[in-house]
Amino acid sequence: MNNFKEISPEVLRKNPFQLIGKDWMLITAGDENKVNTMTASWGGLGVMFGKNVAYILVRPQRYTKEFLDREDTFSLSFLDKSYRKTLNYLGSVTGRMEDKVEKSGLTLAWFDDTPYFGESTNVILCKKLFVQQLHGDGILDPKLKKTWYPNEDYHFLYIAEVTKVMKATR
C-alpha cells in the first residue's frame, strides 16, 4: 500500500485524456457502514464556479449512484496498469450482489469521511457541487444518442470541487 503526499491540483502532471479515458478511474463513495466503487472512463478535470473541479458521469442503474447521491464527498482513485484486471472486475460486477470492494483485494483507506484505495498512484478527493441528468434533446449528434443511449438511460453528470489531490510516494 502506498503512502501519500498532498499536491496542488495545478501540479498534477498526468494527462487527463490518458488518465481517465484510457487508464480509467475508480469512483468511490460511502460511509463507515458500506462503500461502493465503480470503474469509469468518462469524466474530466477543469475549472467551474471559480473552483478546480472534477466531473464524472454515472448511469442511473449503477449501484454506486446511490452512494454518490447519499454522500457529500467521493474519491477518484487512479491505479497503475498492473491493476487492469481489478478495474475490469470492479466495472463489470455490481456491489448489490457481492462485496466487490472486499473481493477486489484493494485496501480501503479514508481521508476524513471519504473512502479511496491505498494502492492508488493518484487520488482526487471531491465535494459535490452539482448533479443533473443528461437529456436526449440535449445531445446534438444523433449518432451519439444512438450509440451511447439506445435504452435512453442517460447518465447523471456530477460536478465536484477538488478538495485534495494526493500522489503516492514510494
N, C-alpha and C. Protein backbone atom coordinates (compact mmCIF):
# COMPACT_ATOMS: atom_id res chain seq x y z
N MET A 1 0.85 -1.19 0.00
CA MET A 1 0.00 0.00 0.00
C MET A 1 0.89 1.24 0.00
N ASN A 2 0.45 2.24 -0.70
CA ASN A 2 1.21 3.47 -0.84
C ASN A 2 0.96 4.43 0.32
N ASN A 3 1.97 5.25 0.58
CA ASN A 3 1.78 6.43 1.41
C ASN A 3 1.56 7.58 0.44
N PHE A 4 0.94 8.63 0.92
CA PHE A 4 0.58 9.72 0.02
C PHE A 4 1.06 11.06 0.55
N LYS A 5 1.32 11.96 -0.39
CA LYS A 5 1.57 13.35 -0.03
C LYS A 5 0.59 14.19 -0.82
N GLU A 6 0.14 15.26 -0.18
CA GLU A 6 -0.78 16.16 -0.85
C GLU A 6 -0.01 17.00 -1.85
N ILE A 7 -0.60 17.18 -3.03
CA ILE A 7 -0.03 18.07 -4.02
C ILE A 7 -1.10 19.06 -4.47
N SER A 8 -0.69 20.17 -4.99
CA SER A 8 -1.63 21.15 -5.52
C SER A 8 -2.25 20.61 -6.80
N PRO A 9 -3.53 20.82 -7.02
CA PRO A 9 -4.14 20.34 -8.27
C PRO A 9 -3.42 20.87 -9.51
N GLU A 10 -2.85 22.06 -9.40
CA GLU A 10 -2.18 22.66 -10.55
C GLU A 10 -0.88 21.96 -10.93
N VAL A 11 -0.33 21.16 -10.03
CA VAL A 11 0.92 20.47 -10.36
C VAL A 11 0.71 19.00 -10.74
N LEU A 12 -0.53 18.57 -10.82
CA LEU A 12 -0.83 17.22 -11.30
C LEU A 12 -0.37 17.14 -12.75
N ARG A 13 0.58 16.30 -13.02
CA ARG A 13 1.22 16.25 -14.33
C ARG A 13 0.65 15.17 -15.25
N LYS A 14 -0.42 14.54 -14.85
CA LYS A 14 -0.99 13.47 -15.65
C LYS A 14 -1.91 14.05 -16.72
N ASN A 15 -1.87 13.46 -17.90
CA ASN A 15 -2.75 13.85 -18.99
C ASN A 15 -4.14 13.30 -18.69
N PRO A 16 -5.16 14.15 -18.52
CA PRO A 16 -6.49 13.64 -18.15
C PRO A 16 -7.11 12.75 -19.22
N PHE A 17 -6.75 12.95 -20.49
CA PHE A 17 -7.29 12.10 -21.55
C PHE A 17 -6.78 10.67 -21.40
N GLN A 18 -5.51 10.53 -21.03
CA GLN A 18 -4.93 9.22 -20.77
C GLN A 18 -5.43 8.67 -19.43
N LEU A 19 -5.33 9.50 -18.42
CA LEU A 19 -5.64 9.10 -17.05
C LEU A 19 -7.08 8.58 -16.92
N ILE A 20 -8.04 9.30 -17.47
CA ILE A 20 -9.45 8.94 -17.33
C ILE A 20 -9.91 8.05 -18.49
N GLY A 21 -9.66 8.49 -19.69
CA GLY A 21 -10.19 7.80 -20.87
C GLY A 21 -9.54 6.48 -21.20
N LYS A 22 -8.25 6.36 -20.94
CA LYS A 22 -7.52 5.14 -21.31
C LYS A 22 -7.16 4.27 -20.10
N ASP A 23 -6.67 4.90 -19.03
CA ASP A 23 -6.24 4.13 -17.85
C ASP A 23 -7.40 3.83 -16.90
N TRP A 24 -8.44 4.65 -16.94
CA TRP A 24 -9.64 4.52 -16.13
C TRP A 24 -9.43 4.98 -14.69
N MET A 25 -10.54 5.12 -13.99
CA MET A 25 -10.50 5.55 -12.59
C MET A 25 -11.57 4.79 -11.82
N LEU A 26 -11.43 4.81 -10.51
CA LEU A 26 -12.45 4.26 -9.62
C LEU A 26 -13.16 5.42 -8.94
N ILE A 27 -14.48 5.46 -9.08
CA ILE A 27 -15.32 6.42 -8.37
C ILE A 27 -15.81 5.70 -7.12
N THR A 28 -15.51 6.27 -5.96
CA THR A 28 -15.81 5.58 -4.70
C THR A 28 -16.52 6.52 -3.74
N ALA A 29 -17.58 6.01 -3.13
CA ALA A 29 -18.31 6.79 -2.13
C ALA A 29 -18.89 5.82 -1.10
N GLY A 30 -19.16 6.36 0.08
CA GLY A 30 -19.78 5.54 1.11
C GLY A 30 -19.49 6.08 2.49
N ASP A 31 -19.88 5.28 3.48
CA ASP A 31 -19.65 5.65 4.88
C ASP A 31 -19.06 4.45 5.60
N GLU A 32 -18.95 4.57 6.92
CA GLU A 32 -18.31 3.50 7.70
C GLU A 32 -19.09 2.18 7.63
N ASN A 33 -20.34 2.22 7.23
CA ASN A 33 -21.15 1.00 7.14
C ASN A 33 -21.04 0.29 5.79
N LYS A 34 -20.93 1.06 4.72
CA LYS A 34 -20.91 0.46 3.38
C LYS A 34 -20.28 1.43 2.39
N VAL A 35 -19.42 0.88 1.55
CA VAL A 35 -18.74 1.63 0.49
C VAL A 35 -18.96 0.90 -0.82
N ASN A 36 -19.09 1.63 -1.89
CA ASN A 36 -19.13 1.01 -3.21
C ASN A 36 -18.26 1.81 -4.16
N THR A 37 -17.81 1.14 -5.18
CA THR A 37 -16.93 1.75 -6.18
C THR A 37 -17.33 1.27 -7.55
N MET A 38 -16.95 2.01 -8.56
CA MET A 38 -17.16 1.61 -9.95
C MET A 38 -16.02 2.13 -10.79
N THR A 39 -15.72 1.40 -11.83
CA THR A 39 -14.72 1.82 -12.80
C THR A 39 -15.39 2.78 -13.78
N ALA A 40 -14.68 3.84 -14.13
CA ALA A 40 -15.24 4.81 -15.07
C ALA A 40 -14.16 5.31 -16.03
N SER A 41 -14.62 5.65 -17.23
CA SER A 41 -13.71 6.22 -18.22
C SER A 41 -14.29 7.48 -18.85
N TRP A 42 -15.37 7.98 -18.27
CA TRP A 42 -15.96 9.24 -18.71
C TRP A 42 -15.84 10.24 -17.58
N GLY A 43 -15.32 11.41 -17.89
CA GLY A 43 -15.19 12.46 -16.89
C GLY A 43 -14.10 13.43 -17.31
N GLY A 44 -13.77 14.32 -16.41
CA GLY A 44 -12.75 15.30 -16.73
C GLY A 44 -12.41 16.17 -15.55
N LEU A 45 -11.46 17.05 -15.80
CA LEU A 45 -10.97 18.00 -14.80
C LEU A 45 -10.99 19.38 -15.43
N GLY A 46 -11.27 20.39 -14.63
CA GLY A 46 -11.29 21.74 -15.18
C GLY A 46 -11.60 22.77 -14.11
N VAL A 47 -12.13 23.88 -14.56
CA VAL A 47 -12.47 24.98 -13.66
C VAL A 47 -13.92 25.36 -13.92
N MET A 48 -14.70 25.47 -12.85
CA MET A 48 -16.09 25.88 -12.95
C MET A 48 -16.50 26.48 -11.62
N PHE A 49 -17.39 27.42 -11.64
CA PHE A 49 -17.85 28.09 -10.43
C PHE A 49 -16.67 28.71 -9.69
N GLY A 50 -15.61 29.07 -10.40
CA GLY A 50 -14.42 29.65 -9.77
C GLY A 50 -13.62 28.66 -8.95
N LYS A 51 -13.82 27.36 -9.18
CA LYS A 51 -13.14 26.32 -8.40
C LYS A 51 -12.52 25.28 -9.33
N ASN A 52 -11.48 24.62 -8.85
CA ASN A 52 -10.97 23.44 -9.54
C ASN A 52 -12.00 22.34 -9.35
N VAL A 53 -12.42 21.71 -10.45
CA VAL A 53 -13.46 20.70 -10.37
C VAL A 53 -13.08 19.43 -11.12
N ALA A 54 -13.75 18.37 -10.73
CA ALA A 54 -13.77 17.13 -11.49
C ALA A 54 -15.22 16.90 -11.87
N TYR A 55 -15.42 16.32 -13.04
CA TYR A 55 -16.77 15.93 -13.37
C TYR A 55 -16.77 14.45 -13.77
N ILE A 56 -17.84 13.78 -13.38
CA ILE A 56 -17.99 12.37 -13.66
C ILE A 56 -19.40 12.14 -14.19
N LEU A 57 -19.57 11.04 -14.88
CA LEU A 57 -20.89 10.67 -15.41
C LEU A 57 -21.20 9.25 -14.97
N VAL A 58 -22.43 9.07 -14.46
CA VAL A 58 -22.83 7.79 -13.89
C VAL A 58 -24.24 7.47 -14.38
N ARG A 59 -24.41 6.27 -14.90
CA ARG A 59 -25.74 5.85 -15.37
C ARG A 59 -26.68 5.65 -14.18
N PRO A 60 -27.99 5.85 -14.39
CA PRO A 60 -28.94 5.77 -13.27
C PRO A 60 -29.01 4.39 -12.62
N GLN A 61 -28.73 3.34 -13.34
CA GLN A 61 -28.85 2.00 -12.77
C GLN A 61 -27.62 1.55 -11.99
N ARG A 62 -26.57 2.33 -11.98
CA ARG A 62 -25.36 1.92 -11.27
C ARG A 62 -25.57 2.04 -9.76
N TYR A 63 -25.16 1.01 -9.04
CA TYR A 63 -25.30 0.96 -7.59
C TYR A 63 -24.51 2.09 -6.93
N THR A 64 -23.37 2.42 -7.47
CA THR A 64 -22.55 3.50 -6.90
C THR A 64 -23.31 4.82 -6.88
N LYS A 65 -24.25 5.01 -7.79
CA LYS A 65 -25.03 6.26 -7.81
C LYS A 65 -25.76 6.50 -6.50
N GLU A 66 -26.27 5.42 -5.88
CA GLU A 66 -26.95 5.56 -4.59
C GLU A 66 -26.00 6.15 -3.54
N PHE A 67 -24.76 5.73 -3.56
CA PHE A 67 -23.76 6.22 -2.61
C PHE A 67 -23.38 7.66 -2.93
N LEU A 68 -23.22 7.97 -4.21
CA LEU A 68 -22.91 9.34 -4.62
C LEU A 68 -24.02 10.30 -4.22
N ASP A 69 -25.25 9.86 -4.37
CA ASP A 69 -26.38 10.73 -4.03
C ASP A 69 -26.51 10.93 -2.52
N ARG A 70 -26.14 9.94 -1.75
CA ARG A 70 -26.28 10.00 -0.29
C ARG A 70 -25.15 10.80 0.37
N GLU A 71 -23.95 10.69 -0.14
CA GLU A 71 -22.78 11.31 0.49
C GLU A 71 -22.47 12.67 -0.14
N ASP A 72 -21.79 13.52 0.63
CA ASP A 72 -21.37 14.83 0.13
C ASP A 72 -20.06 14.76 -0.64
N THR A 73 -19.27 13.71 -0.38
CA THR A 73 -17.95 13.60 -0.98
C THR A 73 -17.77 12.24 -1.65
N PHE A 74 -16.79 12.17 -2.52
CA PHE A 74 -16.38 10.92 -3.16
C PHE A 74 -14.93 11.06 -3.57
N SER A 75 -14.34 9.95 -3.98
CA SER A 75 -12.95 9.99 -4.45
C SER A 75 -12.85 9.43 -5.85
N LEU A 76 -11.81 9.88 -6.52
CA LEU A 76 -11.39 9.32 -7.80
C LEU A 76 -10.01 8.72 -7.56
N SER A 77 -9.91 7.42 -7.71
CA SER A 77 -8.64 6.73 -7.48
C SER A 77 -8.10 6.23 -8.81
N PHE A 78 -6.82 6.45 -9.02
CA PHE A 78 -6.14 6.05 -10.25
C PHE A 78 -5.07 5.03 -9.89
N LEU A 79 -5.11 3.89 -10.56
CA LEU A 79 -4.18 2.80 -10.28
C LEU A 79 -3.33 2.53 -11.51
N ASP A 80 -2.15 1.94 -11.31
CA ASP A 80 -1.29 1.67 -12.45
C ASP A 80 -1.80 0.46 -13.24
N LYS A 81 -1.15 0.21 -14.37
CA LYS A 81 -1.60 -0.82 -15.31
C LYS A 81 -1.64 -2.22 -14.72
N SER A 82 -0.90 -2.48 -13.68
CA SER A 82 -0.90 -3.81 -13.08
C SER A 82 -2.25 -4.15 -12.44
N TYR A 83 -3.11 -3.17 -12.27
CA TYR A 83 -4.44 -3.38 -11.67
C TYR A 83 -5.55 -3.43 -12.72
N ARG A 84 -5.22 -3.59 -13.99
CA ARG A 84 -6.22 -3.57 -15.05
C ARG A 84 -7.30 -4.64 -14.85
N LYS A 85 -6.91 -5.86 -14.47
CA LYS A 85 -7.91 -6.91 -14.23
C LYS A 85 -8.85 -6.52 -13.09
N THR A 86 -8.30 -5.90 -12.06
CA THR A 86 -9.12 -5.45 -10.94
C THR A 86 -10.10 -4.38 -11.39
N LEU A 87 -9.63 -3.44 -12.20
CA LEU A 87 -10.51 -2.39 -12.73
C LEU A 87 -11.61 -3.00 -13.59
N ASN A 88 -11.27 -3.99 -14.41
CA ASN A 88 -12.29 -4.67 -15.21
C ASN A 88 -13.33 -5.33 -14.31
N TYR A 89 -12.88 -6.02 -13.28
CA TYR A 89 -13.79 -6.67 -12.34
C TYR A 89 -14.70 -5.64 -11.68
N LEU A 90 -14.13 -4.56 -11.15
CA LEU A 90 -14.91 -3.56 -10.44
C LEU A 90 -15.89 -2.82 -11.35
N GLY A 91 -15.64 -2.86 -12.64
CA GLY A 91 -16.54 -2.22 -13.59
C GLY A 91 -17.60 -3.15 -14.15
N SER A 92 -17.46 -4.44 -13.90
CA SER A 92 -18.40 -5.39 -14.50
C SER A 92 -19.29 -6.12 -13.50
N VAL A 93 -19.00 -5.99 -12.22
CA VAL A 93 -19.77 -6.67 -11.17
C VAL A 93 -20.46 -5.62 -10.32
N THR A 94 -21.70 -5.86 -9.98
CA THR A 94 -22.42 -4.91 -9.14
C THR A 94 -22.17 -5.18 -7.66
N GLY A 95 -22.04 -4.13 -6.90
CA GLY A 95 -21.92 -4.25 -5.45
C GLY A 95 -23.23 -4.61 -4.78
N ARG A 96 -24.32 -4.62 -5.52
CA ARG A 96 -25.60 -5.06 -4.95
C ARG A 96 -25.59 -6.56 -4.65
N MET A 97 -24.82 -7.32 -5.43
CA MET A 97 -24.84 -8.78 -5.34
C MET A 97 -23.71 -9.35 -4.48
N GLU A 98 -22.63 -8.60 -4.32
CA GLU A 98 -21.49 -9.07 -3.55
C GLU A 98 -20.68 -7.88 -3.08
N ASP A 99 -19.85 -8.10 -2.08
CA ASP A 99 -18.96 -7.03 -1.61
C ASP A 99 -17.74 -7.00 -2.51
N LYS A 100 -17.89 -6.31 -3.64
CA LYS A 100 -16.82 -6.31 -4.62
C LYS A 100 -15.59 -5.54 -4.15
N VAL A 101 -15.77 -4.59 -3.25
CA VAL A 101 -14.60 -3.88 -2.71
C VAL A 101 -13.73 -4.88 -1.97
N GLU A 102 -14.33 -5.67 -1.11
CA GLU A 102 -13.57 -6.67 -0.36
C GLU A 102 -12.96 -7.72 -1.31
N LYS A 103 -13.75 -8.19 -2.26
CA LYS A 103 -13.28 -9.22 -3.20
C LYS A 103 -12.18 -8.72 -4.12
N SER A 104 -12.10 -7.41 -4.33
CA SER A 104 -11.10 -6.85 -5.24
C SER A 104 -9.68 -7.02 -4.73
N GLY A 105 -9.53 -7.16 -3.41
CA GLY A 105 -8.20 -7.24 -2.82
C GLY A 105 -7.55 -5.89 -2.60
N LEU A 106 -8.23 -4.82 -2.98
CA LEU A 106 -7.69 -3.48 -2.75
C LEU A 106 -7.89 -3.09 -1.29
N THR A 107 -7.04 -2.18 -0.84
CA THR A 107 -7.08 -1.72 0.54
C THR A 107 -7.89 -0.43 0.63
N LEU A 108 -9.00 -0.49 1.34
CA LEU A 108 -9.83 0.69 1.53
C LEU A 108 -9.15 1.60 2.55
N ALA A 109 -8.97 2.86 2.18
CA ALA A 109 -8.37 3.86 3.06
C ALA A 109 -9.36 5.02 3.16
N TRP A 110 -9.11 5.89 4.12
CA TRP A 110 -10.02 7.01 4.36
C TRP A 110 -9.24 8.29 4.55
N PHE A 111 -9.77 9.38 4.00
CA PHE A 111 -9.34 10.71 4.38
C PHE A 111 -10.58 11.39 4.92
N ASP A 112 -10.56 11.71 6.19
CA ASP A 112 -11.76 12.18 6.88
C ASP A 112 -12.88 11.18 6.62
N ASP A 113 -13.95 11.59 5.97
CA ASP A 113 -15.08 10.68 5.72
C ASP A 113 -15.14 10.17 4.29
N THR A 114 -14.05 10.31 3.55
CA THR A 114 -14.06 9.94 2.13
C THR A 114 -13.18 8.71 1.89
N PRO A 115 -13.78 7.64 1.34
CA PRO A 115 -13.00 6.43 1.06
C PRO A 115 -12.23 6.54 -0.25
N TYR A 116 -11.07 5.88 -0.29
CA TYR A 116 -10.27 5.77 -1.51
C TYR A 116 -9.45 4.49 -1.38
N PHE A 117 -8.60 4.21 -2.34
CA PHE A 117 -7.83 2.97 -2.31
C PHE A 117 -6.35 3.22 -2.13
N GLY A 118 -5.77 2.50 -1.17
CA GLY A 118 -4.38 2.68 -0.80
C GLY A 118 -3.39 2.33 -1.89
N GLU A 119 -3.78 1.51 -2.84
CA GLU A 119 -2.88 1.12 -3.93
C GLU A 119 -2.82 2.16 -5.05
N SER A 120 -3.58 3.21 -4.94
CA SER A 120 -3.65 4.23 -5.99
C SER A 120 -2.31 4.92 -6.19
N THR A 121 -2.10 5.38 -7.41
CA THR A 121 -0.94 6.23 -7.69
C THR A 121 -1.29 7.70 -7.46
N ASN A 122 -2.56 8.02 -7.73
CA ASN A 122 -3.08 9.37 -7.50
C ASN A 122 -4.52 9.25 -7.02
N VAL A 123 -4.90 10.16 -6.14
CA VAL A 123 -6.27 10.20 -5.62
C VAL A 123 -6.73 11.65 -5.67
N ILE A 124 -7.95 11.84 -6.15
CA ILE A 124 -8.57 13.16 -6.13
C ILE A 124 -9.80 13.06 -5.23
N LEU A 125 -9.82 13.87 -4.18
CA LEU A 125 -10.96 13.92 -3.27
C LEU A 125 -11.88 15.05 -3.71
N CYS A 126 -13.18 14.77 -3.71
CA CYS A 126 -14.14 15.68 -4.31
C CYS A 126 -15.33 15.94 -3.39
N LYS A 127 -15.85 17.16 -3.47
CA LYS A 127 -17.07 17.55 -2.75
C LYS A 127 -18.10 17.97 -3.79
N LYS A 128 -19.24 17.32 -3.78
CA LYS A 128 -20.26 17.58 -4.80
C LYS A 128 -20.74 19.03 -4.79
N LEU A 129 -20.89 19.57 -6.00
CA LEU A 129 -21.43 20.91 -6.18
C LEU A 129 -22.71 20.92 -7.02
N PHE A 130 -22.83 19.94 -7.92
CA PHE A 130 -23.91 19.98 -8.91
C PHE A 130 -24.19 18.56 -9.39
N VAL A 131 -25.45 18.25 -9.62
CA VAL A 131 -25.82 16.99 -10.26
C VAL A 131 -27.06 17.23 -11.12
N GLN A 132 -27.05 16.64 -12.31
CA GLN A 132 -28.20 16.75 -13.20
C GLN A 132 -28.12 15.63 -14.23
N GLN A 133 -29.25 15.08 -14.57
CA GLN A 133 -29.28 14.03 -15.59
C GLN A 133 -29.21 14.65 -16.98
N LEU A 134 -28.43 14.02 -17.85
CA LEU A 134 -28.42 14.42 -19.25
C LEU A 134 -29.77 14.08 -19.86
N HIS A 135 -30.12 14.80 -20.93
CA HIS A 135 -31.39 14.56 -21.61
C HIS A 135 -31.12 14.35 -23.09
N GLY A 136 -31.90 13.49 -23.70
CA GLY A 136 -31.72 13.18 -25.11
C GLY A 136 -31.80 14.39 -26.02
N ASP A 137 -32.66 15.33 -25.70
CA ASP A 137 -32.80 16.50 -26.57
C ASP A 137 -31.58 17.42 -26.49
N GLY A 138 -30.74 17.21 -25.51
CA GLY A 138 -29.51 17.99 -25.41
C GLY A 138 -28.35 17.41 -26.20
N ILE A 139 -28.49 16.20 -26.67
CA ILE A 139 -27.44 15.54 -27.46
C ILE A 139 -27.67 15.91 -28.92
N LEU A 140 -26.77 16.70 -29.47
CA LEU A 140 -26.97 17.30 -30.78
C LEU A 140 -26.64 16.36 -31.93
N ASP A 141 -25.75 15.42 -31.72
CA ASP A 141 -25.37 14.49 -32.77
C ASP A 141 -26.20 13.21 -32.61
N PRO A 142 -27.12 12.94 -33.53
CA PRO A 142 -27.99 11.76 -33.38
C PRO A 142 -27.22 10.44 -33.30
N LYS A 143 -26.03 10.37 -33.91
CA LYS A 143 -25.22 9.15 -33.84
C LYS A 143 -24.78 8.87 -32.41
N LEU A 144 -24.48 9.93 -31.65
CA LEU A 144 -24.08 9.74 -30.25
C LEU A 144 -25.23 9.16 -29.44
N LYS A 145 -26.41 9.70 -29.66
CA LYS A 145 -27.59 9.22 -28.95
C LYS A 145 -27.84 7.75 -29.28
N LYS A 146 -27.75 7.39 -30.54
CA LYS A 146 -27.97 6.01 -30.98
C LYS A 146 -26.89 5.07 -30.43
N THR A 147 -25.65 5.52 -30.43
CA THR A 147 -24.53 4.68 -29.99
C THR A 147 -24.52 4.49 -28.48
N TRP A 148 -24.68 5.58 -27.73
CA TRP A 148 -24.47 5.53 -26.28
C TRP A 148 -25.75 5.39 -25.47
N TYR A 149 -26.90 5.71 -26.07
CA TYR A 149 -28.15 5.69 -25.31
C TYR A 149 -29.30 5.00 -26.04
N PRO A 150 -29.09 3.79 -26.54
CA PRO A 150 -30.20 3.11 -27.22
C PRO A 150 -31.37 2.82 -26.28
N ASN A 151 -31.08 2.73 -24.97
CA ASN A 151 -32.13 2.49 -23.97
C ASN A 151 -32.56 3.76 -23.26
N GLU A 152 -32.05 4.89 -23.70
CA GLU A 152 -32.36 6.20 -23.12
C GLU A 152 -32.07 6.27 -21.62
N ASP A 153 -31.05 5.54 -21.17
CA ASP A 153 -30.63 5.57 -19.76
C ASP A 153 -29.51 6.59 -19.61
N TYR A 154 -29.88 7.83 -19.72
CA TYR A 154 -28.93 8.94 -19.77
C TYR A 154 -28.17 9.07 -18.45
N HIS A 155 -26.87 9.30 -18.59
CA HIS A 155 -26.00 9.49 -17.43
C HIS A 155 -26.44 10.68 -16.58
N PHE A 156 -26.07 10.62 -15.32
CA PHE A 156 -26.12 11.78 -14.43
C PHE A 156 -24.74 12.41 -14.43
N LEU A 157 -24.70 13.72 -14.57
CA LEU A 157 -23.46 14.49 -14.53
C LEU A 157 -23.28 15.02 -13.12
N TYR A 158 -22.15 14.71 -12.52
CA TYR A 158 -21.77 15.24 -11.21
C TYR A 158 -20.58 16.16 -11.41
N ILE A 159 -20.69 17.37 -10.89
CA ILE A 159 -19.56 18.29 -10.87
C ILE A 159 -19.20 18.49 -9.41
N ALA A 160 -17.91 18.34 -9.11
CA ALA A 160 -17.48 18.39 -7.72
C ALA A 160 -16.20 19.20 -7.58
N GLU A 161 -16.13 19.93 -6.48
CA GLU A 161 -14.91 20.67 -6.17
C GLU A 161 -13.81 19.68 -5.82
N VAL A 162 -12.63 19.91 -6.38
CA VAL A 162 -11.46 19.13 -5.99
C VAL A 162 -10.96 19.71 -4.67
N THR A 163 -11.10 18.93 -3.60
CA THR A 163 -10.70 19.42 -2.28
C THR A 163 -9.27 19.02 -1.90
N LYS A 164 -8.79 17.95 -2.52
CA LYS A 164 -7.43 17.49 -2.22
C LYS A 164 -6.97 16.57 -3.35
N VAL A 165 -5.72 16.70 -3.71
CA VAL A 165 -5.08 15.78 -4.65
C VAL A 165 -3.91 15.14 -3.92
N MET A 166 -3.86 13.82 -3.97
CA MET A 166 -2.78 13.10 -3.29
C MET A 166 -2.04 12.24 -4.30
N LYS A 167 -0.72 12.23 -4.14
CA LYS A 167 0.16 11.45 -5.01
C LYS A 167 0.88 10.42 -4.15
N ALA A 168 0.96 9.21 -4.67
CA ALA A 168 1.65 8.14 -3.94
C ALA A 168 3.14 8.44 -3.84
N THR A 169 3.70 8.13 -2.70
CA THR A 169 5.15 8.21 -2.51
C THR A 169 5.66 6.78 -2.42
N ARG A 170 6.81 6.55 -2.94
CA ARG A 170 7.36 5.18 -2.91
C ARG A 170 8.72 5.18 -2.31
